[in-house]
Amino acid sequence: MESINLQEKLSKFSDHWAPKVIAEMNDYQFKLVKVEGEFIWHNHPDTDEVFIVIEGEMKIEFEDGTVELSQGEMYVVPKGVMHKPVAENECKIMLVEPRGVVNTGEEDSDFTSENDVWI
């Protein structure tokens, strides 16, 4: 039994927009990801998605507004809602979502990452 050190896990990768799984709870995965620049518009039709900012700042754009997040803040994007994450500078976040969720939803994109990658 060992605790999971978020900073140690974040030090193991440098790529952006490529979530890495660090733990599972029931059918949910905890994923770390580094983001920078603009992602694509997408949604997750079958699940909510939680963004927790560990370090840095980001925003999540919606069709009718924007949510700004800083270190220590989180936001739950409801299932089916179109959104686009954006980070002017590198931002380190944790995502919490069911196992099998693809980072780009149903959109096929250069940003689509391999799923279920553990660190």
Protein backbone atom coordinates (compact mmCIF):
# COMPACT_ATOMS: atom_id res chain seq x y z
CA MET A 1 0.00 0.00 0.00
CA GLU A 2 1.41 3.34 -1.08
CA SER A 3 0.02 6.81 -1.41
CA ILE A 4 -0.02 8.47 -4.83
CA ASN A 5 2.11 11.60 -5.08
CA LEU A 6 0.60 13.87 -7.74
CA GLN A 7 3.77 15.91 -8.32
CA GLU A 8 5.86 12.76 -8.74
CA LYS A 9 3.37 11.39 -11.28
CA LEU A 10 3.25 14.73 -13.15
CA SER A 11 7.06 14.68 -13.43
CA LYS A 12 6.89 11.44 -15.44
CA PHE A 13 5.50 13.01 -18.62
CA SER A 14 5.66 16.24 -20.60
CA ASP A 15 3.18 15.81 -23.45
CA HIS A 16 0.05 17.94 -23.55
CA TRP A 17 -3.60 16.88 -23.88
CA ALA A 18 -2.73 13.21 -23.24
CA PRO A 19 -4.39 12.00 -20.00
CA LYS A 20 -2.53 9.47 -17.83
CA VAL A 21 -4.40 7.23 -15.39
CA ILE A 22 -3.09 7.21 -11.81
CA ALA A 23 -5.91 5.39 -9.97
CA GLU A 24 -9.32 3.80 -10.25
CA MET A 25 -12.30 3.85 -7.93
CA ASN A 26 -15.12 1.52 -8.90
CA ASP A 27 -15.63 2.29 -12.61
CA TYR A 28 -14.04 5.76 -12.42
CA GLN A 29 -10.51 6.77 -13.34
CA PHE A 30 -8.40 9.59 -11.94
CA LYS A 31 -6.29 11.02 -14.76
CA LEU A 32 -3.51 13.60 -14.77
CA VAL A 33 -2.99 15.74 -17.84
CA LYS A 34 -0.93 18.76 -18.79
CA VAL A 35 -2.75 21.21 -21.03
CA GLU A 36 -1.53 24.20 -23.01
CA GLY A 37 -3.09 26.06 -25.92
CA GLU A 38 -6.57 25.33 -27.27
CA PHE A 39 -8.21 21.91 -27.36
CA ILE A 40 -11.12 21.07 -29.69
CA TRP A 41 -14.85 21.53 -29.22
CA HIS A 42 -16.32 18.24 -28.04
CA ASN A 43 -18.74 16.64 -25.60
CA HIS A 44 -19.19 13.40 -23.72
CA PRO A 45 -22.77 12.29 -24.40
CA ASP A 46 -22.88 9.63 -21.66
CA THR A 47 -21.01 11.14 -18.72
CA ASP A 48 -20.14 14.26 -16.77
CA GLU A 49 -16.45 15.24 -16.66
CA VAL A 50 -14.62 16.76 -13.68
CA PHE A 51 -11.71 19.20 -14.14
CA ILE A 52 -9.57 19.85 -11.02
CA VAL A 53 -6.73 22.37 -11.40
CA ILE A 54 -3.60 21.27 -9.56
CA GLU A 55 -1.29 23.99 -10.86
CA GLY A 56 -1.81 26.92 -13.23
CA GLU A 57 -4.89 28.45 -14.78
CA MET A 58 -7.26 27.42 -17.52
CA LYS A 59 -10.69 28.12 -18.84
CA ILE A 60 -13.44 26.00 -20.27
CA GLU A 61 -15.36 27.63 -23.08
CA PHE A 62 -19.01 26.82 -23.65
CA GLU A 63 -21.41 27.90 -26.37
CA ASP A 64 -22.96 30.41 -23.95
CA GLY A 65 -20.04 31.44 -21.71
CA THR A 66 -16.71 30.61 -20.13
CA VAL A 67 -15.61 29.23 -16.76
CA GLU A 68 -12.18 30.29 -15.51
CA LEU A 69 -10.30 27.96 -13.15
CA SER A 70 -7.20 28.50 -11.01
CA GLN A 71 -5.15 26.24 -8.77
CA GLY A 72 -7.36 24.51 -6.22
CA GLU A 73 -10.58 25.01 -8.19
CA MET A 74 -12.74 22.49 -10.01
CA TYR A 75 -15.67 22.37 -12.39
CA VAL A 76 -18.05 19.61 -13.48
CA VAL A 77 -19.00 19.71 -17.16
CA PRO A 78 -22.44 18.09 -17.50
CA LYS A 79 -22.80 15.21 -19.93
CA GLY A 80 -23.64 16.19 -23.47
CA VAL A 81 -22.51 19.82 -23.10
CA MET A 82 -20.17 21.08 -25.84
CA HIS A 83 -16.98 22.52 -24.34
CA LYS A 84 -13.44 23.51 -25.25
CA PRO A 85 -10.64 23.60 -22.65
CA VAL A 86 -8.04 26.36 -23.13
CA ALA A 87 -4.84 27.20 -21.24
CA GLU A 88 -2.68 30.17 -22.18
CA ASN A 89 0.26 28.63 -20.30
CA GLU A 90 0.83 25.06 -19.19
CA CYS A 91 -1.75 23.96 -16.64
CA LYS A 92 -1.70 20.69 -14.70
CA ILE A 93 -5.09 19.16 -14.04
CA MET A 94 -6.82 16.04 -12.83
CA LEU A 95 -9.80 14.59 -14.66
CA VAL A 96 -12.27 12.24 -13.01
CA GLU A 97 -14.41 10.24 -15.39
CA PRO A 98 -15.62 6.70 -16.04
CA ARG A 99 -13.17 4.16 -17.43
CA GLY A 100 -13.19 4.15 -21.23
CA VAL A 101 -13.96 7.84 -21.80
CA VAL A 102 -12.00 9.18 -24.78
CA ASN A 103 -10.53 12.67 -24.28
CA THR A 104 -12.10 14.06 -27.47
CA GLY A 105 -15.52 12.48 -26.94
CA GLU A 106 -16.89 11.28 -30.25
CA GLU A 107 -14.76 13.72 -32.29
CA ASP A 108 -11.91 12.23 -34.33
CA SER A 109 -8.95 14.57 -34.00
CA ASP A 110 -5.17 14.83 -33.84
CA PHE A 111 -5.80 15.48 -30.12
CA THR A 112 -7.39 12.05 -29.60
CA SER A 113 -5.18 10.20 -27.12
CA GLU A 114 -4.67 6.53 -26.49
CA ASN A 115 -7.04 5.54 -23.73
CA ASP A 116 -6.21 3.79 -20.44
CA VAL A 117 -2.51 4.79 -20.29
CA TRP A 118 -1.20 4.31 -16.74
CA ILE A 119 1.78 6.00 -15.11
